[in-house]
C-alpha atoms as a PDB file:
ATOM      1  CA  UNK A   1      30.366   4.015 -16.064  1.00  0.00           C
ATOM      2  CA  UNK A   2      26.991   5.825 -16.293  1.00  0.00           C
ATOM      3  CA  UNK A   3      25.483   7.144 -13.080  1.00  0.00           C
ATOM      4  CA  UNK A   4      21.539   7.631 -12.451  1.00  0.00           C
ATOM      5  CA  UNK A   5      21.039  10.844 -10.356  1.00  0.00           C
ATOM      6  CA  UNK A   6      17.651  11.442  -8.772  1.00  0.00           C
ATOM      7  CA  UNK A   7      17.458  15.368  -8.484  1.00  0.00           C
ATOM      8  CA  UNK A   8      15.566  16.139  -5.188  1.00  0.00           C
ATOM      9  CA  UNK A   9      14.118  19.054  -3.604  1.00  0.00           C
ATOM     10  CA  UNK A  10      11.777  20.100  -0.811  1.00  0.00           C
ATOM     11  CA  UNK A  11       8.046  19.981  -1.635  1.00  0.00           C
ATOM     12  CA  UNK A  12       6.507  20.330   1.828  1.00  0.00           C
ATOM     13  CA  UNK A  13       6.805  19.922   5.395  1.00  0.00           C
ATOM     14  CA  UNK A  14       4.666  16.751   5.432  1.00  0.00           C
ATOM     15  CA  UNK A  15       4.005  13.814   3.219  1.00  0.00           C
ATOM     16  CA  UNK A  16       0.318  15.116   3.003  1.00  0.00           C
ATOM     17  CA  UNK A  17       1.565  18.055   1.275  1.00  0.00           C
ATOM     18  CA  UNK A  18       3.131  16.023  -1.743  1.00  0.00           C
ATOM     19  CA  UNK A  19       0.791  15.821  -4.590  1.00  0.00           C
ATOM     20  CA  UNK A  20       2.379  12.939  -6.566  1.00  0.00           C
ATOM     21  CA  UNK A  21       5.056  10.352  -5.606  1.00  0.00           C
ATOM     22  CA  UNK A  22       5.776   7.038  -7.558  1.00  0.00           C
ATOM     23  CA  UNK A  23       4.666   3.775  -6.075  1.00  0.00           C
ATOM     24  CA  UNK A  24       6.945   1.159  -5.464  1.00  0.00           C
ATOM     25  CA  UNK A  25       5.743  -0.674  -8.600  1.00  0.00           C
ATOM     26  CA  UNK A  26       6.326   2.431 -10.768  1.00  0.00           C
ATOM     27  CA  UNK A  27       9.729   2.805  -9.202  1.00  0.00           C
ATOM     28  CA  UNK A  28      10.673  -0.778  -9.943  1.00  0.00           C
ATOM     29  CA  UNK A  29       9.263  -0.487 -13.527  1.00  0.00           C
ATOM     30  CA  UNK A  30      11.366   2.722 -14.014  1.00  0.00           C
ATOM     31  CA  UNK A  31      14.585   1.071 -12.617  1.00  0.00           C
ATOM     32  CA  UNK A  32      14.176  -1.901 -14.792  1.00  0.00           C
ATOM     33  CA  UNK A  33      15.311   0.026 -18.040  1.00  0.00           C
ATOM     34  CA  UNK A  34      18.643   0.293 -16.151  1.00  0.00           C
ATOM     35  CA  UNK A  35      21.470  -2.020 -15.919  1.00  0.00           C
ATOM     36  CA  UNK A  36      21.496  -3.549 -12.434  1.00  0.00           C
ATOM     37  CA  UNK A  37      24.938  -2.533 -11.669  1.00  0.00           C
ATOM     38  CA  UNK A  38      24.273   1.339 -12.362  1.00  0.00           C
ATOM     39  CA  UNK A  39      24.743   3.254  -9.147  1.00  0.00           C
ATOM     40  CA  UNK A  40      22.010   5.500  -7.996  1.00  0.00           C
ATOM     41  CA  UNK A  41      22.764   8.937  -6.308  1.00  0.00           C
ATOM     42  CA  UNK A  42      20.717  11.683  -4.947  1.00  0.00           C
ATOM     43  CA  UNK A  43      21.378  15.302  -6.207  1.00  0.00           C
ATOM     44  CA  UNK A  44      20.633  18.077  -3.829  1.00  0.00           C
ATOM     45  CA  UNK A  45      20.661  21.998  -4.476  1.00  0.00           C
ATOM     46  CA  UNK A  46      21.070  21.864  -8.155  1.00  0.00           C
ATOM     47  CA  UNK A  47      23.633  18.901  -7.800  1.00  0.00           C
ATOM     48  CA  UNK A  48      25.748  21.219  -5.455  1.00  0.00           C
ATOM     49  CA  UNK A  49      25.563  18.198  -2.928  1.00  0.00           C
ATOM     50  CA  UNK A  50      24.989  14.421  -3.142  1.00  0.00           C
ATOM     51  CA  UNK A  51      23.806  11.652  -1.175  1.00  0.00           C
ATOM     52  CA  UNK A  52      23.472   7.839  -1.714  1.00  0.00           C
ATOM     53  CA  UNK A  53      20.726   5.384  -1.149  1.00  0.00           C
ATOM     54  CA  UNK A  54      21.183   2.464   1.356  1.00  0.00           C
ATOM     55  CA  UNK A  55      18.901  -0.135   2.685  1.00  0.00           C
ATOM     56  CA  UNK A  56      19.304   1.300   6.186  1.00  0.00           C
ATOM     57  CA  UNK A  57      17.815   4.528   5.200  1.00  0.00           C
ATOM     58  CA  UNK A  58      14.266   3.335   4.423  1.00  0.00           C
ATOM     59  CA  UNK A  59      11.938   3.221   7.098  1.00  0.00           C
ATOM     60  CA  UNK A  60       7.994   2.209   6.912  1.00  0.00           C
ATOM     61  CA  UNK A  61       5.637   4.803   8.348  1.00  0.00           C
ATOM     62  CA  UNK A  62       2.339   3.222   9.144  1.00  0.00           C
ATOM     63  CA  UNK A  63       1.081   6.635  10.167  1.00  0.00           C
ATOM     64  CA  UNK A  64      -2.256   7.124  12.002  1.00  0.00           C
ATOM     65  CA  UNK A  65      -5.469   5.238  11.510  1.00  0.00           C
ATOM     66  CA  UNK A  66      -7.198   8.018  10.048  1.00  0.00           C
ATOM     67  CA  UNK A  67      -4.446   8.763   7.273  1.00  0.00           C
ATOM     68  CA  UNK A  68      -6.376   6.837   4.868  1.00  0.00           C
END
């Protein structure tokens, strides 16, 4: 079975240091090209280590009022 691996790396110490990231809509659009049973993994350290994605690992961060 095919696997989808998202290669990850550190880009900064805060979200304000990240230049570009996908929106939820862009991510949904990208993932819609894959079979819904395709497992998704995170690849770290040039795929030396791996992680999974689970619902419980997501957290909303509403930030400070002046973040906008």
